[in-house]
Amino acid sequence: MNEKIKTLQIIHLAICAGTILAYYFLGELSIEKLSMPVIDSVSIVYVFIPVIAFVFSSFLFKSQLKQIDPKLKLEEKLPIYQAASIMRWAVLEGAAFLILLLKPDFLLFGILVIIYLIFLRPTEERINNDLNGL
């Protein structure tokens, strides 16, 4: 089981590292860009991208976990958990890239999505909690 968790951790690390590198090279990070942007009626949509990504990724993750048969052993549940986690991370990564490419002024919100993505790092304890909560 530890090998499967390590595989999932490597996938998570690759997603996080790729997103961070993209922000580093494409984001042109500076103190001015990290300040709170002016939110008007046109740009309010970009504020909702992280919120929608958070809600949608959590919904997808939980709906995938609900499809797991509770009678299965923990190791048999892991491939479904892995697919659910990757879908969750992909939605968050997509939101971060949308912000970076469509509205770089809102870089701060993209960085918050990346921080949340980093905190979703799979650990044995987290996997057990998620899978035993079925």
N, C-alpha and C. Protein backbone atom coordinates (compact mmCIF):
# COMPACT_ATOMS: atom_id res chain seq x y z
N MET A 1 0.83 -1.19 0.00
CA MET A 1 0.00 0.00 0.00
C MET A 1 0.87 1.25 0.00
N ASN A 2 2.01 1.21 0.67
CA ASN A 2 2.89 2.37 0.71
C ASN A 2 3.37 2.78 -0.68
N GLU A 3 3.58 1.78 -1.56
CA GLU A 3 3.99 2.10 -2.93
C GLU A 3 2.90 2.86 -3.66
N LYS A 4 1.66 2.47 -3.45
CA LYS A 4 0.54 3.16 -4.12
C LYS A 4 0.39 4.58 -3.59
N ILE A 5 0.61 4.76 -2.31
CA ILE A 5 0.54 6.10 -1.73
C ILE A 5 1.68 6.95 -2.26
N LYS A 6 2.87 6.37 -2.36
CA LYS A 6 4.02 7.12 -2.91
C LYS A 6 3.75 7.53 -4.35
N THR A 7 3.13 6.65 -5.13
CA THR A 7 2.78 6.99 -6.51
C THR A 7 1.83 8.17 -6.54
N LEU A 8 0.83 8.14 -5.68
CA LEU A 8 -0.13 9.24 -5.61
C LEU A 8 0.56 10.53 -5.15
N GLN A 9 1.50 10.42 -4.23
CA GLN A 9 2.24 11.61 -3.77
C GLN A 9 3.11 12.18 -4.88
N ILE A 10 3.68 11.32 -5.71
CA ILE A 10 4.51 11.81 -6.82
C ILE A 10 3.64 12.52 -7.86
N ILE A 11 2.47 11.97 -8.14
CA ILE A 11 1.54 12.64 -9.07
C ILE A 11 1.16 14.00 -8.51
N HIS A 12 0.85 14.06 -7.22
CA HIS A 12 0.47 15.32 -6.58
C HIS A 12 1.62 16.33 -6.65
N LEU A 13 2.83 15.86 -6.37
CA LEU A 13 4.00 16.73 -6.43
C LEU A 13 4.20 17.28 -7.84
N ALA A 14 4.02 16.45 -8.85
CA ALA A 14 4.19 16.90 -10.23
C ALA A 14 3.16 17.96 -10.60
N ILE A 15 1.92 17.76 -10.18
CA ILE A 15 0.88 18.75 -10.47
C ILE A 15 1.19 20.07 -9.77
N CYS A 16 1.55 19.99 -8.49
CA CYS A 16 1.87 21.21 -7.74
C CYS A 16 3.10 21.91 -8.31
N ALA A 17 4.15 21.14 -8.59
CA ALA A 17 5.38 21.73 -9.11
C ALA A 17 5.16 22.37 -10.47
N GLY A 18 4.41 21.72 -11.34
CA GLY A 18 4.13 22.29 -12.66
C GLY A 18 3.36 23.59 -12.56
N THR A 19 2.39 23.63 -11.68
CA THR A 19 1.59 24.85 -11.51
C THR A 19 2.43 25.97 -10.91
N ILE A 20 3.24 25.63 -9.93
CA ILE A 20 4.11 26.64 -9.30
C ILE A 20 5.12 27.19 -10.30
N LEU A 21 5.71 26.30 -11.08
CA LEU A 21 6.67 26.75 -12.10
C LEU A 21 6.00 27.64 -13.15
N ALA A 22 4.79 27.29 -13.54
CA ALA A 22 4.07 28.13 -14.50
C ALA A 22 3.81 29.51 -13.91
N TYR A 23 3.43 29.56 -12.66
CA TYR A 23 3.21 30.86 -12.01
C TYR A 23 4.51 31.64 -11.89
N TYR A 24 5.60 30.93 -11.63
CA TYR A 24 6.88 31.61 -11.49
C TYR A 24 7.34 32.21 -12.82
N PHE A 25 7.22 31.45 -13.91
CA PHE A 25 7.73 31.91 -15.19
C PHE A 25 6.73 32.79 -15.96
N LEU A 26 5.46 32.47 -15.89
CA LEU A 26 4.46 33.22 -16.65
C LEU A 26 3.80 34.34 -15.85
N GLY A 27 3.82 34.21 -14.54
CA GLY A 27 3.10 35.16 -13.70
C GLY A 27 3.78 36.48 -13.48
N GLU A 28 5.06 36.54 -13.76
CA GLU A 28 5.81 37.77 -13.51
C GLU A 28 5.48 38.32 -12.12
N LEU A 29 5.77 37.51 -11.12
CA LEU A 29 5.42 37.84 -9.75
C LEU A 29 6.14 39.10 -9.26
N SER A 30 5.38 39.95 -8.64
CA SER A 30 5.92 41.16 -8.02
C SER A 30 4.97 41.56 -6.89
N ILE A 31 5.43 42.46 -6.06
CA ILE A 31 4.61 42.91 -4.93
C ILE A 31 3.32 43.57 -5.43
N GLU A 32 3.41 44.30 -6.52
CA GLU A 32 2.23 44.98 -7.06
C GLU A 32 1.18 43.97 -7.52
N LYS A 33 1.63 42.88 -8.12
CA LYS A 33 0.69 41.87 -8.61
C LYS A 33 0.09 41.04 -7.49
N LEU A 34 0.78 40.98 -6.36
CA LEU A 34 0.27 40.19 -5.25
C LEU A 34 -0.67 40.98 -4.35
N SER A 35 -0.91 42.22 -4.68
CA SER A 35 -1.85 43.01 -3.90
C SER A 35 -3.27 42.70 -4.34
N MET A 36 -4.21 43.09 -3.53
CA MET A 36 -5.62 42.84 -3.83
C MET A 36 -6.03 43.68 -5.04
N PRO A 37 -6.51 43.03 -6.10
CA PRO A 37 -6.90 43.78 -7.30
C PRO A 37 -8.23 44.51 -7.10
N VAL A 38 -8.46 45.47 -7.95
CA VAL A 38 -9.72 46.20 -7.93
C VAL A 38 -10.78 45.29 -8.56
N ILE A 39 -11.85 45.08 -7.83
CA ILE A 39 -12.91 44.19 -8.32
C ILE A 39 -14.08 45.05 -8.75
N ASP A 40 -14.37 45.00 -10.04
CA ASP A 40 -15.52 45.71 -10.57
C ASP A 40 -16.51 44.70 -11.13
N SER A 41 -17.57 45.21 -11.73
CA SER A 41 -18.62 44.31 -12.22
C SER A 41 -18.15 43.41 -13.36
N VAL A 42 -17.15 43.83 -14.09
CA VAL A 42 -16.64 43.02 -15.20
C VAL A 42 -15.73 41.90 -14.69
N SER A 43 -14.95 42.19 -13.67
CA SER A 43 -13.97 41.22 -13.20
C SER A 43 -14.46 40.35 -12.05
N ILE A 44 -15.70 40.51 -11.64
CA ILE A 44 -16.23 39.72 -10.52
C ILE A 44 -16.24 38.22 -10.86
N VAL A 45 -16.33 37.90 -12.14
CA VAL A 45 -16.32 36.51 -12.59
C VAL A 45 -15.03 35.81 -12.17
N TYR A 46 -13.93 36.53 -12.22
CA TYR A 46 -12.63 35.94 -11.90
C TYR A 46 -12.46 35.67 -10.41
N VAL A 47 -13.25 36.35 -9.59
CA VAL A 47 -13.23 36.08 -8.16
C VAL A 47 -13.91 34.75 -7.87
N PHE A 48 -14.92 34.42 -8.68
CA PHE A 48 -15.67 33.20 -8.44
C PHE A 48 -14.98 31.95 -8.99
N ILE A 49 -13.96 32.10 -9.82
CA ILE A 49 -13.26 30.92 -10.37
C ILE A 49 -12.70 30.05 -9.25
N PRO A 50 -11.97 30.58 -8.27
CA PRO A 50 -11.46 29.71 -7.20
C PRO A 50 -12.58 29.10 -6.36
N VAL A 51 -13.63 29.86 -6.13
CA VAL A 51 -14.75 29.35 -5.32
C VAL A 51 -15.43 28.20 -6.05
N ILE A 52 -15.71 28.39 -7.31
CA ILE A 52 -16.34 27.34 -8.11
C ILE A 52 -15.44 26.12 -8.20
N ALA A 53 -14.16 26.34 -8.38
CA ALA A 53 -13.21 25.22 -8.46
C ALA A 53 -13.19 24.44 -7.15
N PHE A 54 -13.19 25.14 -6.02
CA PHE A 54 -13.19 24.47 -4.73
C PHE A 54 -14.45 23.62 -4.56
N VAL A 55 -15.60 24.20 -4.83
CA VAL A 55 -16.87 23.49 -4.66
C VAL A 55 -16.97 22.32 -5.64
N PHE A 56 -16.65 22.57 -6.90
CA PHE A 56 -16.76 21.54 -7.92
C PHE A 56 -15.78 20.40 -7.69
N SER A 57 -14.55 20.72 -7.30
CA SER A 57 -13.56 19.66 -7.06
C SER A 57 -13.96 18.81 -5.86
N SER A 58 -14.47 19.43 -4.82
CA SER A 58 -14.92 18.68 -3.65
C SER A 58 -16.12 17.81 -3.99
N PHE A 59 -17.04 18.36 -4.78
CA PHE A 59 -18.21 17.58 -5.21
C PHE A 59 -17.81 16.37 -6.03
N LEU A 60 -16.91 16.57 -7.00
CA LEU A 60 -16.44 15.44 -7.82
C LEU A 60 -15.75 14.38 -6.97
N PHE A 61 -14.90 14.83 -6.08
CA PHE A 61 -14.15 13.92 -5.22
C PHE A 61 -15.11 13.08 -4.37
N LYS A 62 -16.04 13.73 -3.72
CA LYS A 62 -16.96 13.01 -2.84
C LYS A 62 -17.91 12.11 -3.62
N SER A 63 -18.33 12.55 -4.79
CA SER A 63 -19.22 11.69 -5.58
C SER A 63 -18.50 10.45 -6.09
N GLN A 64 -17.21 10.57 -6.38
CA GLN A 64 -16.45 9.39 -6.78
C GLN A 64 -16.25 8.45 -5.59
N LEU A 65 -16.01 9.00 -4.42
CA LEU A 65 -15.81 8.15 -3.24
C LEU A 65 -17.09 7.44 -2.83
N LYS A 66 -18.25 8.05 -3.10
CA LYS A 66 -19.53 7.41 -2.77
C LYS A 66 -19.79 6.17 -3.63
N GLN A 67 -19.12 6.09 -4.77
CA GLN A 67 -19.31 4.94 -5.65
C GLN A 67 -18.52 3.72 -5.20
N ILE A 68 -17.65 3.89 -4.23
CA ILE A 68 -16.83 2.78 -3.74
C ILE A 68 -17.68 1.87 -2.85
N ASP A 69 -17.56 0.59 -3.10
CA ASP A 69 -18.26 -0.40 -2.27
C ASP A 69 -17.58 -0.46 -0.90
N PRO A 70 -18.31 -0.19 0.18
CA PRO A 70 -17.69 -0.18 1.52
C PRO A 70 -17.16 -1.55 1.95
N LYS A 71 -17.59 -2.59 1.29
CA LYS A 71 -17.15 -3.94 1.66
C LYS A 71 -15.75 -4.27 1.16
N LEU A 72 -15.26 -3.47 0.23
CA LEU A 72 -13.93 -3.73 -0.33
C LEU A 72 -12.85 -3.45 0.71
N LYS A 73 -11.73 -4.11 0.53
CA LYS A 73 -10.57 -3.83 1.37
C LYS A 73 -10.00 -2.47 1.01
N LEU A 74 -9.22 -1.94 1.92
CA LEU A 74 -8.64 -0.61 1.72
C LEU A 74 -7.79 -0.55 0.46
N GLU A 75 -7.02 -1.59 0.20
CA GLU A 75 -6.15 -1.61 -0.98
C GLU A 75 -6.95 -1.69 -2.28
N GLU A 76 -8.15 -2.27 -2.22
CA GLU A 76 -9.00 -2.34 -3.41
C GLU A 76 -9.71 -1.02 -3.68
N LYS A 77 -9.84 -0.20 -2.65
CA LYS A 77 -10.47 1.11 -2.79
C LYS A 77 -9.50 2.15 -3.34
N LEU A 78 -8.21 1.88 -3.21
CA LEU A 78 -7.19 2.88 -3.54
C LEU A 78 -7.20 3.34 -5.00
N PRO A 79 -7.40 2.47 -6.01
CA PRO A 79 -7.42 2.98 -7.39
C PRO A 79 -8.55 3.99 -7.65
N ILE A 80 -9.70 3.77 -7.03
CA ILE A 80 -10.80 4.72 -7.19
C ILE A 80 -10.47 6.02 -6.47
N TYR A 81 -9.86 5.89 -5.30
CA TYR A 81 -9.44 7.08 -4.57
C TYR A 81 -8.41 7.87 -5.37
N GLN A 82 -7.50 7.16 -6.02
CA GLN A 82 -6.48 7.82 -6.82
C GLN A 82 -7.11 8.59 -7.98
N ALA A 83 -8.06 7.97 -8.66
CA ALA A 83 -8.74 8.65 -9.77
C ALA A 83 -9.51 9.87 -9.27
N ALA A 84 -10.18 9.73 -8.13
CA ALA A 84 -10.94 10.85 -7.57
C ALA A 84 -10.02 11.99 -7.18
N SER A 85 -8.87 11.65 -6.61
CA SER A 85 -7.91 12.69 -6.21
C SER A 85 -7.36 13.42 -7.41
N ILE A 86 -7.03 12.68 -8.46
CA ILE A 86 -6.48 13.31 -9.66
C ILE A 86 -7.51 14.24 -10.29
N MET A 87 -8.78 13.83 -10.31
CA MET A 87 -9.83 14.72 -10.84
C MET A 87 -9.94 15.98 -10.00
N ARG A 88 -9.86 15.83 -8.70
CA ARG A 88 -9.95 16.98 -7.80
C ARG A 88 -8.80 17.95 -8.05
N TRP A 89 -7.60 17.41 -8.15
CA TRP A 89 -6.43 18.25 -8.37
C TRP A 89 -6.46 18.90 -9.74
N ALA A 90 -6.98 18.19 -10.74
CA ALA A 90 -7.05 18.73 -12.10
C ALA A 90 -7.98 19.94 -12.16
N VAL A 91 -9.09 19.87 -11.46
CA VAL A 91 -10.02 21.01 -11.44
C VAL A 91 -9.34 22.23 -10.79
N LEU A 92 -8.65 22.00 -9.69
CA LEU A 92 -7.97 23.11 -9.01
C LEU A 92 -6.83 23.66 -9.86
N GLU A 93 -6.08 22.78 -10.49
CA GLU A 93 -5.00 23.22 -11.36
C GLU A 93 -5.55 24.01 -12.54
N GLY A 94 -6.65 23.54 -13.09
CA GLY A 94 -7.29 24.26 -14.20
C GLY A 94 -7.73 25.65 -13.79
N ALA A 95 -8.28 25.77 -12.60
CA ALA A 95 -8.69 27.08 -12.10
C ALA A 95 -7.50 28.01 -11.94
N ALA A 96 -6.41 27.48 -11.43
CA ALA A 96 -5.20 28.30 -11.26
C ALA A 96 -4.68 28.77 -12.61
N PHE A 97 -4.70 27.88 -13.61
CA PHE A 97 -4.23 28.28 -14.94
C PHE A 97 -5.20 29.26 -15.61
N LEU A 98 -6.50 29.08 -15.40
CA LEU A 98 -7.46 30.04 -15.95
C LEU A 98 -7.17 31.45 -15.43
N ILE A 99 -6.97 31.55 -14.16
CA ILE A 99 -6.68 32.86 -13.56
C ILE A 99 -5.38 33.41 -14.12
N LEU A 100 -4.36 32.58 -14.21
CA LEU A 100 -3.05 33.03 -14.70
C LEU A 100 -3.13 33.52 -16.15
N LEU A 101 -3.85 32.79 -16.98
CA LEU A 101 -3.87 33.12 -18.40
C LEU A 101 -4.93 34.15 -18.78
N LEU A 102 -6.08 34.13 -18.11
CA LEU A 102 -7.15 35.06 -18.48
C LEU A 102 -7.07 36.40 -17.78
N LYS A 103 -6.70 36.39 -16.51
CA LYS A 103 -6.69 37.64 -15.74
C LYS A 103 -5.52 37.64 -14.76
N PRO A 104 -4.31 37.93 -15.25
CA PRO A 104 -3.13 37.90 -14.39
C PRO A 104 -3.18 38.89 -13.22
N ASP A 105 -4.09 39.86 -13.28
CA ASP A 105 -4.22 40.79 -12.16
C ASP A 105 -4.70 40.08 -10.90
N PHE A 106 -5.37 38.96 -11.07
CA PHE A 106 -5.93 38.21 -9.96
C PHE A 106 -5.01 37.06 -9.55
N LEU A 107 -3.71 37.27 -9.71
CA LEU A 107 -2.71 36.26 -9.39
C LEU A 107 -2.81 35.79 -7.94
N LEU A 108 -3.19 36.67 -7.06
CA LEU A 108 -3.31 36.32 -5.65
C LEU A 108 -4.32 35.19 -5.44
N PHE A 109 -5.43 35.23 -6.16
CA PHE A 109 -6.43 34.17 -6.04
C PHE A 109 -5.91 32.85 -6.58
N GLY A 110 -5.13 32.90 -7.63
CA GLY A 110 -4.52 31.69 -8.17
C GLY A 110 -3.52 31.09 -7.19
N ILE A 111 -2.77 31.95 -6.52
CA ILE A 111 -1.81 31.47 -5.53
C ILE A 111 -2.54 30.82 -4.35
N LEU A 112 -3.70 31.36 -3.98
CA LEU A 112 -4.49 30.74 -2.91
C LEU A 112 -4.98 29.35 -3.32
N VAL A 113 -5.35 29.20 -4.60
CA VAL A 113 -5.76 27.88 -5.10
C VAL A 113 -4.58 26.91 -5.03
N ILE A 114 -3.40 27.39 -5.40
CA ILE A 114 -2.20 26.54 -5.36
C ILE A 114 -1.88 26.14 -3.92
N ILE A 115 -2.02 27.05 -2.98
CA ILE A 115 -1.77 26.73 -1.57
C ILE A 115 -2.75 25.66 -1.10
N TYR A 116 -4.02 25.80 -1.47
CA TYR A 116 -5.00 24.78 -1.11
C TYR A 116 -4.63 23.44 -1.76
N LEU A 117 -4.20 23.48 -2.99
CA LEU A 117 -3.79 22.26 -3.70
C LEU A 117 -2.62 21.59 -2.98
N ILE A 118 -1.69 22.37 -2.49
CA ILE A 118 -0.55 21.82 -1.75
C ILE A 118 -1.02 21.14 -0.46
N PHE A 119 -1.99 21.75 0.21
CA PHE A 119 -2.49 21.18 1.46
C PHE A 119 -3.28 19.88 1.24
N LEU A 120 -3.64 19.59 0.02
CA LEU A 120 -4.36 18.34 -0.29
C LEU A 120 -3.41 17.17 -0.50
N ARG A 121 -2.17 17.32 -0.12
CA ARG A 121 -1.17 16.26 -0.29
C ARG A 121 -1.68 14.96 0.33
N PRO A 122 -1.62 13.88 -0.44
CA PRO A 122 -2.13 12.61 0.09
C PRO A 122 -1.17 11.98 1.10
N THR A 123 -1.69 11.68 2.25
CA THR A 123 -0.95 10.96 3.28
C THR A 123 -1.76 9.72 3.65
N GLU A 124 -1.12 8.79 4.29
CA GLU A 124 -1.83 7.57 4.67
C GLU A 124 -2.99 7.89 5.61
N GLU A 125 -2.78 8.82 6.51
CA GLU A 125 -3.84 9.21 7.45
C GLU A 125 -5.03 9.84 6.71
N ARG A 126 -4.75 10.74 5.77
CA ARG A 126 -5.82 11.39 5.03
C ARG A 126 -6.59 10.38 4.19
N ILE A 127 -5.88 9.48 3.55
CA ILE A 127 -6.53 8.46 2.72
C ILE A 127 -7.42 7.58 3.59
N ASN A 128 -6.91 7.14 4.73
CA ASN A 128 -7.71 6.33 5.63
C ASN A 128 -8.95 7.07 6.11
N ASN A 129 -8.80 8.34 6.47
CA ASN A 129 -9.95 9.14 6.91
C ASN A 129 -10.99 9.28 5.80
N ASP A 130 -10.53 9.55 4.58
CA ASP A 130 -11.47 9.72 3.47
C ASP A 130 -12.18 8.42 3.13
N LEU A 131 -11.44 7.33 3.15
CA LEU A 131 -12.04 6.05 2.76
C LEU A 131 -12.85 5.39 3.87
N ASN A 132 -12.51 5.66 5.10
CA ASN A 132 -13.28 5.08 6.21
C ASN A 132 -14.53 5.89 6.51
N GLY A 133 -14.60 7.09 5.99
CA GLY A 133 -15.77 7.93 6.17
C GLY A 133 -16.92 7.58 5.24
N LEU A 134 -16.77 6.52 4.46
CA LEU A 134 -17.82 6.14 3.49
C LEU A 134 -19.02 5.55 4.18
